[in-house]
Amino acid sequence: MGGNHRIAEALLNIRAVALSLDPPFTWVSGIRSPIYCDNRLLISHPDERNLVVNRFVEEIRHMKIQPDVIAGTATSGIPFAAWVADRLNLPMVYVRAAKKEHGKGKAIEGHLSAGTNVLVIED
């Protein structure tokens, strides 16, 4: 069975996929759908999460432009960015949903230089 089929099966096995026709789910984008996949559940399931992280790594290694840094969006993208960056031995940063209103007022945490190729992981 291919990697994508194994991931789909894993998501079903951990009950990350939910169906509801009435009412449908509303996604952050505003789209209403009878299907919702809660990828956050993967963080609690090491075997299933490794399938996803390994697939990310495989895809990244086949990209024409290799990233210098892996970025995760707050909050769901952060753990996946950390795991992928670790596997690829690359630096990692994360992007806040909104700039901090205290301290240095950063929107991006970690070291990021201009001209860096960044791959962003978000849920």
PDB file of N, CA and C in Angstrom:
ATOM      1  N   MET A   1       0.851  -1.173   0.000  1.00  0.00           N
ATOM      2  CA  MET A   1       0.000   0.000   0.000  1.00  0.00           C
ATOM      3  C   MET A   1       0.899   1.240   0.000  1.00  0.00           C
ATOM      4  N   GLY A   2       0.563   2.239  -0.830  1.00  0.00           N
ATOM      5  CA  GLY A   2       1.348   3.464  -0.930  1.00  0.00           C
ATOM      6  C   GLY A   2       1.301   4.292   0.336  1.00  0.00           C
ATOM      7  N   GLY A   3       2.264   5.226   0.447  1.00  0.00           N
ATOM      8  CA  GLY A   3       2.373   6.076   1.626  1.00  0.00           C
ATOM      9  C   GLY A   3       1.128   6.869   1.923  1.00  0.00           C
ATOM     10  N   ASN A   4       0.514   7.439   0.869  1.00  0.00           N
ATOM     11  CA  ASN A   4      -0.690   8.249   1.088  1.00  0.00           C
ATOM     12  C   ASN A   4      -1.864   7.400   1.567  1.00  0.00           C
ATOM     13  N   HIS A   5      -1.974   6.173   1.051  1.00  0.00           N
ATOM     14  CA  HIS A   5      -3.041   5.284   1.496  1.00  0.00           C
ATOM     15  C   HIS A   5      -2.828   4.873   2.943  1.00  0.00           C
ATOM     16  N   ARG A   6      -1.570   4.655   3.319  1.00  0.00           N
ATOM     17  CA  ARG A   6      -1.259   4.285   4.706  1.00  0.00           C
ATOM     18  C   ARG A   6      -1.599   5.442   5.647  1.00  0.00           C
ATOM     19  N   ILE A   7      -1.331   6.670   5.213  1.00  0.00           N
ATOM     20  CA  ILE A   7      -1.665   7.838   6.036  1.00  0.00           C
ATOM     21  C   ILE A   7      -3.178   7.961   6.180  1.00  0.00           C
ATOM     22  N   ALA A   8      -3.897   7.798   5.087  1.00  0.00           N
ATOM     23  CA  ALA A   8      -5.365   7.866   5.141  1.00  0.00           C
ATOM     24  C   ALA A   8      -5.908   6.802   6.088  1.00  0.00           C
ATOM     25  N   GLU A   9      -5.381   5.602   5.999  1.00  0.00           N
ATOM     26  CA  GLU A   9      -5.816   4.524   6.891  1.00  0.00           C
ATOM     27  C   GLU A   9      -5.486   4.853   8.350  1.00  0.00           C
ATOM     28  N   ALA A  10      -4.307   5.409   8.580  1.00  0.00           N
ATOM     29  CA  ALA A  10      -3.903   5.781   9.936  1.00  0.00           C
ATOM     30  C   ALA A  10      -4.839   6.846  10.508  1.00  0.00           C
ATOM     31  N   LEU A  11      -5.190   7.848   9.700  1.00  0.00           N
ATOM     32  CA  LEU A  11      -6.098   8.899  10.152  1.00  0.00           C
ATOM     33  C   LEU A  11      -7.474   8.326  10.509  1.00  0.00           C
ATOM     34  N   LEU A  12      -7.923   7.376   9.732  1.00  0.00           N
ATOM     35  CA  LEU A  12      -9.194   6.719  10.043  1.00  0.00           C
ATOM     36  C   LEU A  12      -9.078   5.902  11.329  1.00  0.00           C
ATOM     37  N   ASN A  13      -7.952   5.204  11.501  1.00  0.00           N
ATOM     38  CA  ASN A  13      -7.762   4.352  12.678  1.00  0.00           C
ATOM     39  C   ASN A  13      -7.721   5.143  13.983  1.00  0.00           C
ATOM     40  N   ILE A  14      -7.150   6.341  13.951  1.00  0.00           N
ATOM     41  CA  ILE A  14      -7.092   7.140  15.184  1.00  0.00           C
ATOM     42  C   ILE A  14      -8.323   8.039  15.335  1.00  0.00           C
ATOM     43  N   ARG A  15      -9.259   7.881  14.424  1.00  0.00           N
ATOM     44  CA  ARG A  15     -10.525   8.615  14.437  1.00  0.00           C
ATOM     45  C   ARG A  15     -10.338  10.121  14.268  1.00  0.00           C
ATOM     46  N   ALA A  16      -9.356  10.468  13.433  1.00  0.00           N
ATOM     47  CA  ALA A  16      -9.115  11.881  13.130  1.00  0.00           C
ATOM     48  C   ALA A  16     -10.113  12.396  12.105  1.00  0.00           C
ATOM     49  N   VAL A  17     -10.695  11.499  11.340  1.00  0.00           N
ATOM     50  CA  VAL A  17     -11.651  11.875  10.303  1.00  0.00           C
ATOM     51  C   VAL A  17     -13.065  11.764  10.867  1.00  0.00           C
ATOM     52  N   ALA A  18     -13.826  12.847  10.725  1.00  0.00           N
ATOM     53  CA  ALA A  18     -15.205  12.867  11.222  1.00  0.00           C
ATOM     54  C   ALA A  18     -16.136  13.288  10.093  1.00  0.00           C
ATOM     55  N   LEU A  19     -17.344  12.772  10.150  1.00  0.00           N
ATOM     56  CA  LEU A  19     -18.373  13.103   9.160  1.00  0.00           C
ATOM     57  C   LEU A  19     -19.589  13.686   9.875  1.00  0.00           C
ATOM     58  N   SER A  20     -20.153  14.732   9.290  1.00  0.00           N
ATOM     59  CA  SER A  20     -21.385  15.315   9.810  1.00  0.00           C
ATOM     60  C   SER A  20     -22.087  16.056   8.678  1.00  0.00           C
ATOM     61  N   LEU A  21     -23.228  15.528   8.292  1.00  0.00           N
ATOM     62  CA  LEU A  21     -24.000  16.171   7.224  1.00  0.00           C
ATOM     63  C   LEU A  21     -24.867  17.310   7.750  1.00  0.00           C
ATOM     64  N   ASP A  22     -25.416  17.140   8.941  1.00  0.00           N
ATOM     65  CA  ASP A  22     -26.334  18.137   9.476  1.00  0.00           C
ATOM     66  C   ASP A  22     -26.085  18.332  10.960  1.00  0.00           C
ATOM     67  N   PRO A  23     -25.361  19.327  11.346  1.00  0.00           N
ATOM     68  CA  PRO A  23     -24.796  20.383  10.508  1.00  0.00           C
ATOM     69  C   PRO A  23     -23.423  19.987   9.979  1.00  0.00           C
ATOM     70  N   PRO A  24     -23.009  20.574   8.860  1.00  0.00           N
ATOM     71  CA  PRO A  24     -21.649  20.330   8.372  1.00  0.00           C
ATOM     72  C   PRO A  24     -20.644  21.088   9.236  1.00  0.00           C
ATOM     73  N   PHE A  25     -19.383  20.711   9.120  1.00  0.00           N
ATOM     74  CA  PHE A  25     -18.315  21.408   9.836  1.00  0.00           C
ATOM     75  C   PHE A  25     -18.013  22.721   9.115  1.00  0.00           C
ATOM     76  N   THR A  26     -17.576  23.709   9.864  1.00  0.00           N
ATOM     77  CA  THR A  26     -17.126  24.969   9.279  1.00  0.00           C
ATOM     78  C   THR A  26     -15.630  25.067   9.488  1.00  0.00           C
ATOM     79  N   TRP A  27     -14.899  25.153   8.404  1.00  0.00           N
ATOM     80  CA  TRP A  27     -13.443  25.277   8.483  1.00  0.00           C
ATOM     81  C   TRP A  27     -13.066  26.729   8.760  1.00  0.00           C
ATOM     82  N   VAL A  28     -11.823  26.968   9.150  1.00  0.00           N
ATOM     83  CA  VAL A  28     -11.341  28.329   9.416  1.00  0.00           C
ATOM     84  C   VAL A  28     -11.584  29.237   8.219  1.00  0.00           C
ATOM     85  N   SER A  29     -11.461  28.691   7.017  1.00  0.00           N
ATOM     86  CA  SER A  29     -11.645  29.468   5.793  1.00  0.00           C
ATOM     87  C   SER A  29     -13.094  29.894   5.585  1.00  0.00           C
ATOM     88  N   GLY A  30     -14.006  29.291   6.370  1.00  0.00           N
ATOM     89  CA  GLY A  30     -15.423  29.576   6.196  1.00  0.00           C
ATOM     90  C   GLY A  30     -16.132  28.517   5.363  1.00  0.00           C
ATOM     91  N   ILE A  31     -15.355  27.667   4.704  1.00  0.00           N
ATOM     92  CA  ILE A  31     -15.945  26.575   3.916  1.00  0.00           C
ATOM     93  C   ILE A  31     -16.702  25.644   4.853  1.00  0.00           C
ATOM     94  N   ARG A  32     -17.879  25.229   4.410  1.00  0.00           N
ATOM     95  CA  ARG A  32     -18.661  24.262   5.170  1.00  0.00           C
ATOM     96  C   ARG A  32     -18.528  22.920   4.468  1.00  0.00           C
ATOM     97  N   SER A  33     -18.232  21.887   5.255  1.00  0.00           N
ATOM     98  CA  SER A  33     -17.958  20.579   4.682  1.00  0.00           C
ATOM     99  C   SER A  33     -18.506  19.481   5.593  1.00  0.00           C
ATOM    100  N   PRO A  34     -18.954  18.376   4.995  1.00  0.00           N
ATOM    101  CA  PRO A  34     -19.403  17.249   5.812  1.00  0.00           C
ATOM    102  C   PRO A  34     -18.222  16.440   6.374  1.00  0.00           C
ATOM    103  N   ILE A  35     -16.993  16.773   5.948  1.00  0.00           N
ATOM    104  CA  ILE A  35     -15.802  16.025   6.373  1.00  0.00           C
ATOM    105  C   ILE A  35     -14.857  16.949   7.125  1.00  0.00           C
ATOM    106  N   TYR A  36     -14.329  16.452   8.239  1.00  0.00           N
ATOM    107  CA  TYR A  36     -13.326  17.195   9.007  1.00  0.00           C
ATOM    108  C   TYR A  36     -12.225  16.223   9.396  1.00  0.00           C
ATOM    109  N   CYS A  37     -10.988  16.643   9.227  1.00  0.00           N
ATOM    110  CA  CYS A  37      -9.853  15.814   9.623  1.00  0.00           C
ATOM    111  C   CYS A  37      -9.060  16.578  10.686  1.00  0.00           C
ATOM    112  N   ASP A  38      -9.037  16.054  11.888  1.00  0.00           N
ATOM    113  CA  ASP A  38      -8.336  16.678  13.003  1.00  0.00           C
ATOM    114  C   ASP A  38      -6.903  16.145  13.060  1.00  0.00           C
ATOM    115  N   ASN A  39      -6.014  16.782  12.305  1.00  0.00           N
ATOM    116  CA  ASN A  39      -4.619  16.354  12.239  1.00  0.00           C
ATOM    117  C   ASN A  39      -3.896  16.506  13.570  1.00  0.00           C
ATOM    118  N   ARG A  40      -4.433  17.318  14.477  1.00  0.00           N
ATOM    119  CA  ARG A  40      -3.805  17.519  15.789  1.00  0.00           C
ATOM    120  C   ARG A  40      -3.758  16.221  16.587  1.00  0.00           C
ATOM    121  N   LEU A  41      -4.657  15.290  16.291  1.00  0.00           N
ATOM    122  CA  LEU A  41      -4.652  14.011  17.005  1.00  0.00           C
ATOM    123  C   LEU A  41      -3.376  13.214  16.739  1.00  0.00           C
ATOM    124  N   LEU A  42      -2.728  13.488  15.613  1.00  0.00           N
ATOM    125  CA  LEU A  42      -1.502  12.759  15.282  1.00  0.00           C
ATOM    126  C   LEU A  42      -0.401  12.947  16.315  1.00  0.00           C
ATOM    127  N   ILE A  43      -0.380  14.077  17.012  1.00  0.00           N
ATOM    128  CA  ILE A  43       0.698  14.315  17.971  1.00  0.00           C
ATOM    129  C   ILE A  43       0.679  13.301  19.112  1.00  0.00           C
ATOM    130  N   SER A  44      -0.459  12.674  19.363  1.00  0.00           N
ATOM    131  CA  SER A  44      -0.593  11.694  20.444  1.00  0.00           C
ATOM    132  C   SER A  44      -0.374  10.254  19.985  1.00  0.00           C
ATOM    133  N   HIS A  45      -0.097  10.063  18.712  1.00  0.00           N
ATOM    134  CA  HIS A  45       0.043   8.714  18.151  1.00  0.00           C
ATOM    135  C   HIS A  45       1.376   8.605  17.395  1.00  0.00           C
ATOM    136  N   PRO A  46       2.441   8.169  18.076  1.00  0.00           N
ATOM    137  CA  PRO A  46       3.779   8.170  17.467  1.00  0.00           C
ATOM    138  C   PRO A  46       3.896   7.409  16.147  1.00  0.00           C
ATOM    139  N   ASP A  47       3.315   6.233  16.043  1.00  0.00           N
ATOM    140  CA  ASP A  47       3.454   5.453  14.800  1.00  0.00           C
ATOM    141  C   ASP A  47       2.785   6.164  13.627  1.00  0.00           C
ATOM    142  N   GLU A  48       1.590   6.662  13.859  1.00  0.00           N
ATOM    143  CA  GLU A  48       0.846   7.342  12.800  1.00  0.00           C
ATOM    144  C   GLU A  48       1.506   8.671  12.441  1.00  0.00           C
ATOM    145  N   ARG A  49       1.965   9.403  13.443  1.00  0.00           N
ATOM    146  CA  ARG A  49       2.622  10.682  13.171  1.00  0.00           C
ATOM    147  C   ARG A  49       3.907  10.459  12.394  1.00  0.00           C
ATOM    148  N   ASN A  50       4.632   9.368  12.675  1.00  0.00           N
ATOM    149  CA  ASN A  50       5.853   9.081  11.923  1.00  0.00           C
ATOM    150  C   ASN A  50       5.574   8.826  10.450  1.00  0.00           C
ATOM    151  N   LEU A  51       4.433   8.232  10.142  1.00  0.00           N
ATOM    152  CA  LEU A  51       4.054   8.059   8.732  1.00  0.00           C
ATOM    153  C   LEU A  51       3.974   9.416   8.041  1.00  0.00           C
ATOM    154  N   VAL A  52       3.336  10.376   8.707  1.00  0.00           N
ATOM    155  CA  VAL A  52       3.151  11.709   8.130  1.00  0.00           C
ATOM    156  C   VAL A  52       4.489  12.441   8.038  1.00  0.00           C
ATOM    157  N   VAL A  53       5.257  12.428   9.097  1.00  0.00           N
ATOM    158  CA  VAL A  53       6.551  13.118   9.100  1.00  0.00           C
ATOM    159  C   VAL A  53       7.479  12.509   8.052  1.00  0.00           C
ATOM    160  N   ASN A  54       7.510  11.188   7.955  1.00  0.00           N
ATOM    161  CA  ASN A  54       8.345  10.536   6.939  1.00  0.00           C
ATOM    162  C   ASN A  54       7.922  10.938   5.536  1.00  0.00           C
ATOM    163  N   ARG A  55       6.625  11.084   5.328  1.00  0.00           N
ATOM    164  CA  ARG A  55       6.113  11.491   4.000  1.00  0.00           C
ATOM    165  C   ARG A  55       6.515  12.922   3.693  1.00  0.00           C
ATOM    166  N   PHE A  56       6.423  13.817   4.685  1.00  0.00           N
ATOM    167  CA  PHE A  56       6.899  15.190   4.501  1.00  0.00           C
ATOM    168  C   PHE A  56       8.368  15.189   4.092  1.00  0.00           C
ATOM    169  N   VAL A  57       9.174  14.447   4.826  1.00  0.00           N
ATOM    170  CA  VAL A  57      10.617  14.401   4.560  1.00  0.00           C
ATOM    171  C   VAL A  57      10.892  13.881   3.156  1.00  0.00           C
ATOM    172  N   GLU A  58      10.188  12.841   2.759  1.00  0.00           N
ATOM    173  CA  GLU A  58      10.340  12.272   1.416  1.00  0.00           C
ATOM    174  C   GLU A  58      10.024  13.313   0.338  1.00  0.00           C
ATOM    175  N   GLU A  59       8.910  14.026   0.509  1.00  0.00           N
ATOM    176  CA  GLU A  59       8.523  15.053  -0.460  1.00  0.00           C
ATOM    177  C   GLU A  59       9.545  16.187  -0.506  1.00  0.00           C
ATOM    178  N   ILE A  60      10.012  16.621   0.645  1.00  0.00           N
ATOM    179  CA  ILE A  60      10.972  17.725   0.713  1.00  0.00           C
ATOM    180  C   ILE A  60      12.276  17.337   0.028  1.00  0.00           C
ATOM    181  N   ARG A  61      12.721  16.115   0.225  1.00  0.00           N
ATOM    182  CA  ARG A  61      13.983  15.661  -0.394  1.00  0.00           C
ATOM    183  C   ARG A  61      13.888  15.614  -1.913  1.00  0.00           C
ATOM    184  N   HIS A  62      12.666  15.543  -2.455  1.00  0.00           N
ATOM    185  CA  HIS A  62      12.476  15.499  -3.910  1.00  0.00           C
ATOM    186  C   HIS A  62      12.148  16.868  -4.515  1.00  0.00           C
ATOM    187  N   MET A  63      12.138  17.900  -3.706  1.00  0.00           N
ATOM    188  CA  MET A  63      11.834  19.238  -4.212  1.00  0.00           C
ATOM    189  C   MET A  63      13.008  19.777  -5.034  1.00  0.00           C
ATOM    190  N   LYS A  64      12.709  20.607  -6.026  1.00  0.00           N
ATOM    191  CA  LYS A  64      13.762  21.216  -6.849  1.00  0.00           C
ATOM    192  C   LYS A  64      14.584  22.215  -6.048  1.00  0.00           C
ATOM    193  N   ILE A  65      13.931  22.985  -5.201  1.00  0.00           N
ATOM    194  CA  ILE A  65      14.625  23.953  -4.354  1.00  0.00           C
ATOM    195  C   ILE A  65      14.580  23.420  -2.931  1.00  0.00           C
ATOM    196  N   GLN A  66      15.738  23.208  -2.353  1.00  0.00           N
ATOM    197  CA  GLN A  66      15.803  22.686  -0.993  1.00  0.00           C
ATOM    198  C   GLN A  66      15.676  23.815   0.024  1.00  0.00           C
ATOM    199  N   PRO A  67      14.899  23.597   1.073  1.00  0.00           N
ATOM    200  CA  PRO A  67      14.751  24.638   2.094  1.00  0.00           C
ATOM    201  C   PRO A  67      16.011  24.758   2.953  1.00  0.00           C
ATOM    202  N   ASP A  68      16.232  25.979   3.435  1.00  0.00           N
ATOM    203  CA  ASP A  68      17.302  26.239   4.399  1.00  0.00           C
ATOM    204  C   ASP A  68      16.759  26.167   5.820  1.00  0.00           C
ATOM    205  N   VAL A  69      15.463  26.425   5.943  1.00  0.00           N
ATOM    206  CA  VAL A  69      14.794  26.490   7.241  1.00  0.00           C
ATOM    207  C   VAL A  69      13.396  25.892   7.090  1.00  0.00           C
ATOM    208  N   ILE A  70      12.946  25.215   8.143  1.00  0.00           N
ATOM    209  CA  ILE A  70      11.570  24.728   8.198  1.00  0.00           C
ATOM    210  C   ILE A  70      10.816  25.632   9.167  1.00  0.00           C
ATOM    211  N   ALA A  71       9.648  26.119   8.746  1.00  0.00           N
ATOM    212  CA  ALA A  71       8.824  26.987   9.597  1.00  0.00           C
ATOM    213  C   ALA A  71       7.503  26.299   9.884  1.00  0.00           C
ATOM    214  N   GLY A  72       7.023  26.474  11.091  1.00  0.00           N
ATOM    215  CA  GLY A  72       5.708  25.968  11.471  1.00  0.00           C
ATOM    216  C   GLY A  72       4.815  27.127  11.850  1.00  0.00           C
ATOM    217  N   THR A  73       3.546  27.036  11.480  1.00  0.00           N
ATOM    218  CA  THR A  73       2.599  28.076  11.873  1.00  0.00           C
ATOM    219  C   THR A  73       1.984  27.705  13.212  1.00  0.00           C
ATOM    220  N   ALA A  74       1.720  28.730  14.025  1.00  0.00           N
ATOM    221  CA  ALA A  74       1.109  28.508  15.337  1.00  0.00           C
ATOM    222  C   ALA A  74      -0.357  28.138  15.131  1.00  0.00           C
ATOM    223  N   THR A  75      -0.824  27.196  15.815  1.00  0.00           N
ATOM    224  CA  THR A  75      -0.085  26.338  16.711  1.00  0.00           C
ATOM    225  C   THR A  75       0.120  24.944  16.126  1.00  0.00           C
ATOM    226  N   SER A  76      -0.745  24.541  15.257  1.00  0.00           N
ATOM    227  CA  SER A  76      -0.734  23.159  14.776  1.00  0.00           C
ATOM    228  C   SER A  76       0.474  22.789  13.931  1.00  0.00           C
ATOM    229  N   GLY A  77       1.058  23.744  13.244  1.00  0.00           N
ATOM    230  CA  GLY A  77       2.209  23.439  12.396  1.00  0.00           C
ATOM    231  C   GLY A  77       3.513  23.317  13.158  1.00  0.00           C
ATOM    232  N   ILE A  78       3.550  23.815  14.380  1.00  0.00           N
ATOM    233  CA  ILE A  78       4.803  23.840  15.134  1.00  0.00           C
ATOM    234  C   ILE A  78       5.365  22.445  15.416  1.00  0.00           C
ATOM    235  N   PRO A  79       4.586  21.506  15.962  1.00  0.00           N
ATOM    236  CA  PRO A  79       5.199  20.208  16.236  1.00  0.00           C
ATOM    237  C   PRO A  79       5.677  19.498  14.964  1.00  0.00           C
ATOM    238  N   PHE A  80       4.913  19.603  13.886  1.00  0.00           N
ATOM    239  CA  PHE A  80       5.321  18.943  12.647  1.00  0.00           C
ATOM    240  C   PHE A  80       6.579  19.583  12.073  1.00  0.00           C
ATOM    241  N   ALA A  81       6.665  20.902  12.142  1.00  0.00           N
ATOM    242  CA  ALA A  81       7.874  21.594  11.686  1.00  0.00           C
ATOM    243  C   ALA A  81       9.073  21.149  12.506  1.00  0.00           C
ATOM    244  N   ALA A  82       8.895  20.991  13.804  1.00  0.00           N
ATOM    245  CA  ALA A  82       9.990  20.559  14.670  1.00  0.00           C
ATOM    246  C   ALA A  82      10.455  19.158  14.302  1.00  0.00           C
ATOM    247  N   TRP A  83       9.528  18.245  14.090  1.00  0.00           N
ATOM    248  CA  TRP A  83       9.908  16.875  13.744  1.00  0.00           C
ATOM    249  C   TRP A  83      10.588  16.816  12.380  1.00  0.00           C
ATOM    250  N   VAL A  84      10.048  17.537  11.401  1.00  0.00           N
ATOM    251  CA  VAL A  84      10.632  17.538  10.056  1.00  0.00           C
ATOM    252  C   VAL A  84      12.010  18.185  10.078  1.00  0.00           C
ATOM    253  N   ALA A  85      12.144  19.325  10.741  1.00  0.00           N
ATOM    254  CA  ALA A  85      13.442  20.001  10.831  1.00  0.00           C
ATOM    255  C   ALA A  85      14.474  19.095  11.488  1.00  0.00           C
ATOM    256  N   ASP A  86      14.059  18.384  12.512  1.00  0.00           N
ATOM    257  CA  ASP A  86      14.975  17.465  13.197  1.00  0.00           C
ATOM    258  C   ASP A  86      15.445  16.359  12.259  1.00  0.00           C
ATOM    259  N   ARG A  87      14.510  15.754  11.529  1.00  0.00           N
ATOM    260  CA  ARG A  87      14.865  14.663  10.611  1.00  0.00           C
ATOM    261  C   ARG A  87      15.800  15.138   9.499  1.00  0.00           C
ATOM    262  N   LEU A  88      15.606  16.385   9.052  1.00  0.00           N
ATOM    263  CA  LEU A  88      16.426  16.933   7.975  1.00  0.00           C
ATOM    264  C   LEU A  88      17.657  17.671   8.497  1.00  0.00           C
ATOM    265  N   ASN A  89      17.785  17.759   9.812  1.00  0.00           N
ATOM    266  CA  ASN A  89      18.884  18.483  10.446  1.00  0.00           C
ATOM    267  C   ASN A  89      18.958  19.926   9.947  1.00  0.00           C
ATOM    268  N   LEU A  90      17.782  20.563   9.919  1.00  0.00           N
ATOM    269  CA  LEU A  90      17.676  21.955   9.480  1.00  0.00           C
ATOM    270  C   LEU A  90      17.195  22.829  10.638  1.00  0.00           C
ATOM    271  N   PRO A  91      17.513  24.125  10.569  1.00  0.00           N
ATOM    272  CA  PRO A  91      16.968  25.045  11.564  1.00  0.00           C
ATOM    273  C   PRO A  91      15.449  25.126  11.426  1.00  0.00           C
ATOM    274  N   MET A  92      14.816  25.561  12.503  1.00  0.00           N
ATOM    275  CA  MET A  92      13.365  25.689  12.525  1.00  0.00           C
ATOM    276  C   MET A  92      12.982  27.027  13.146  1.00  0.00           C
ATOM    277  N   VAL A  93      11.921  27.615  12.635  1.00  0.00           N
ATOM    278  CA  VAL A  93      11.326  28.815  13.204  1.00  0.00           C
ATOM    279  C   VAL A  93       9.823  28.573  13.281  1.00  0.00           C
ATOM    280  N   TYR A  94       9.137  29.436  14.022  1.00  0.00           N
ATOM    281  CA  TYR A  94       7.682  29.362  13.949  1.00  0.00           C
ATOM    282  C   TYR A  94       7.087  30.742  13.800  1.00  0.00           C
ATOM    283  N   VAL A  95       5.929  30.751  13.166  1.00  0.00           N
ATOM    284  CA  VAL A  95       5.227  31.992  12.835  1.00  0.00           C
ATOM    285  C   VAL A  95       4.017  32.114  13.742  1.00  0.00           C
ATOM    286  N   ARG A  96       3.940  33.231  14.432  1.00  0.00           N
ATOM    287  CA  ARG A  96       2.803  33.498  15.313  1.00  0.00           C
ATOM    288  C   ARG A  96       1.589  33.932  14.487  1.00  0.00           C
ATOM    289  N   ALA A  97       0.409  33.684  15.011  1.00  0.00           N
ATOM    290  CA  ALA A  97      -0.815  34.135  14.352  1.00  0.00           C
ATOM    291  C   ALA A  97      -0.894  35.656  14.357  1.00  0.00           C
ATOM    292  N   ALA A  98      -0.347  36.271  15.401  1.00  0.00           N
ATOM    293  CA  ALA A  98      -0.306  37.734  15.512  1.00  0.00           C
ATOM    294  C   ALA A  98       0.998  38.122  16.196  1.00  0.00           C
ATOM    295  N   LYS A  99       1.494  39.294  15.841  1.00  0.00           N
ATOM    296  CA  LYS A  99       2.708  39.817  16.473  1.00  0.00           C
ATOM    297  C   LYS A  99       2.531  39.906  17.978  1.00  0.00           C
ATOM    298  N   LYS A 100       3.593  39.598  18.704  1.00  0.00           N
ATOM    299  CA  LYS A 100       3.546  39.766  20.160  1.00  0.00           C
ATOM    300  C   LYS A 100       3.364  41.243  20.487  1.00  0.00           C
ATOM    301  N   GLU A 101       2.629  41.505  21.521  1.00  0.00           N
ATOM    302  CA  GLU A 101       2.447  42.892  21.937  1.00  0.00           C
ATOM    303  C   GLU A 101       3.340  43.240  23.113  1.00  0.00           C
ATOM    304  N   HIS A 102       4.275  42.347  23.432  1.00  0.00           N
ATOM    305  CA  HIS A 102       5.225  42.601  24.501  1.00  0.00           C
ATOM    306  C   HIS A 102       6.607  42.133  24.046  1.00  0.00           C
ATOM    307  N   GLY A 103       7.612  42.333  24.867  1.00  0.00           N
ATOM    308  CA  GLY A 103       8.966  41.926  24.507  1.00  0.00           C
ATOM    309  C   GLY A 103       9.417  42.613  23.238  1.00  0.00           C
ATOM    310  N   LYS A 104       9.931  41.830  22.297  1.00  0.00           N
ATOM    311  CA  LYS A 104      10.435  42.380  21.034  1.00  0.00           C
ATOM    312  C   LYS A 104       9.354  42.504  19.964  1.00  0.00           C
ATOM    313  N   GLY A 105       8.143  42.087  20.271  1.00  0.00           N
ATOM    314  CA  GLY A 105       7.043  42.234  19.322  1.00  0.00           C
ATOM    315  C   GLY A 105       7.206  41.398  18.065  1.00  0.00           C
ATOM    316  N   LYS A 106       7.786  40.219  18.196  1.00  0.00           N
ATOM    317  CA  LYS A 106       8.067  39.379  17.027  1.00  0.00           C
ATOM    318  C   LYS A 106       6.829  38.659  16.506  1.00  0.00           C
ATOM    319  N   ALA A 107       6.822  38.477  15.196  1.00  0.00           N
ATOM    320  CA  ALA A 107       5.823  37.624  14.547  1.00  0.00           C
ATOM    321  C   ALA A 107       6.436  36.267  14.221  1.00  0.00           C
ATOM    322  N   ILE A 108       7.761  36.235  14.072  1.00  0.00           N
ATOM    323  CA  ILE A 108       8.489  35.000  13.777  1.00  0.00           C
ATOM    324  C   ILE A 108       9.482  34.756  14.905  1.00  0.00           C
ATOM    325  N   GLU A 109       9.450  33.542  15.460  1.00  0.00           N
ATOM    326  CA  GLU A 109      10.369  33.171  16.536  1.00  0.00           C
ATOM    327  C   GLU A 109      11.435  32.240  15.992  1.00  0.00           C
ATOM    328  N   GLY A 110      12.664  32.531  16.351  1.00  0.00           N
ATOM    329  CA  GLY A 110      13.807  31.777  15.866  1.00  0.00           C
ATOM    330  C   GLY A 110      14.641  32.691  14.985  1.00  0.00           C
ATOM    331  N   HIS A 111      15.758  32.183  14.497  1.00  0.00           N
ATOM    332  CA  HIS A 111      16.647  32.993  13.668  1.00  0.00           C
ATOM    333  C   HIS A 111      16.306  32.777  12.187  1.00  0.00           C
ATOM    334  N   LEU A 112      16.014  33.869  11.492  1.00  0.00           N
ATOM    335  CA  LEU A 112      15.679  33.803  10.071  1.00  0.00           C
ATOM    336  C   LEU A 112      16.343  34.972   9.358  1.00  0.00           C
ATOM    337  N   SER A 113      17.212  34.660   8.398  1.00  0.00           N
ATOM    338  CA  SER A 113      17.930  35.683   7.639  1.00  0.00           C
ATOM    339  C   SER A 113      17.220  35.976   6.326  1.00  0.00           C
ATOM    340  N   ALA A 114      17.381  37.193   5.833  1.00  0.00           N
ATOM    341  CA  ALA A 114      16.825  37.570   4.529  1.00  0.00           C
ATOM    342  C   ALA A 114      17.414  36.671   3.451  1.00  0.00           C
ATOM    343  N   GLY A 115      16.604  36.311   2.477  1.00  0.00           N
ATOM    344  CA  GLY A 115      17.068  35.492   1.358  1.00  0.00           C
ATOM    345  C   GLY A 115      17.089  34.001   1.641  1.00  0.00           C
ATOM    346  N   THR A 116      16.612  33.606   2.797  1.00  0.00           N
ATOM    347  CA  THR A 116      16.595  32.193   3.183  1.00  0.00           C
ATOM    348  C   THR A 116      15.418  31.485   2.519  1.00  0.00           C
ATOM    349  N   ASN A 117      15.652  30.268   2.018  1.00  0.00           N
ATOM    350  CA  ASN A 117      14.557  29.451   1.473  1.00  0.00           C
ATOM    351  C   ASN A 117      13.839  28.773   2.643  1.00  0.00           C
ATOM    352  N   VAL A 118      12.562  29.120   2.818  1.00  0.00           N
ATOM    353  CA  VAL A 118      11.794  28.627   3.947  1.00  0.00           C
ATOM    354  C   VAL A 118      10.659  27.751   3.438  1.00  0.00           C
ATOM    355  N   LEU A 119      10.521  26.585   4.048  1.00  0.00           N
ATOM    356  CA  LEU A 119       9.384  25.720   3.780  1.00  0.00           C
ATOM    357  C   LEU A 119       8.458  25.834   4.985  1.00  0.00           C
ATOM    358  N   VAL A 120       7.208  26.220   4.736  1.00  0.00           N
ATOM    359  CA  VAL A 120       6.242  26.435   5.810  1.00  0.00           C
ATOM    360  C   VAL A 120       5.307  25.244   5.919  1.00  0.00           C
ATOM    361  N   ILE A 121       5.175  24.740   7.136  1.00  0.00           N
ATOM    362  CA  ILE A 121       4.233  23.649   7.418  1.00  0.00           C
ATOM    363  C   ILE A 121       3.107  24.228   8.255  1.00  0.00           C
ATOM    364  N   GLU A 122       1.875  24.036   7.761  1.00  0.00           N
ATOM    365  CA  GLU A 122       0.712  24.510   8.500  1.00  0.00           C
ATOM    366  C   GLU A 122      -0.405  23.500   8.378  1.00  0.00           C
ATOM    367  N   ASP A 123      -1.269  23.535   9.346  1.00  0.00           N
ATOM    368  CA  ASP A 123      -2.381  22.585   9.349  1.00  0.00           C
ATOM    369  C   ASP A 123      -3.507  23.161   8.518  1.00  0.00           C
TER     370      ASP A 123
END
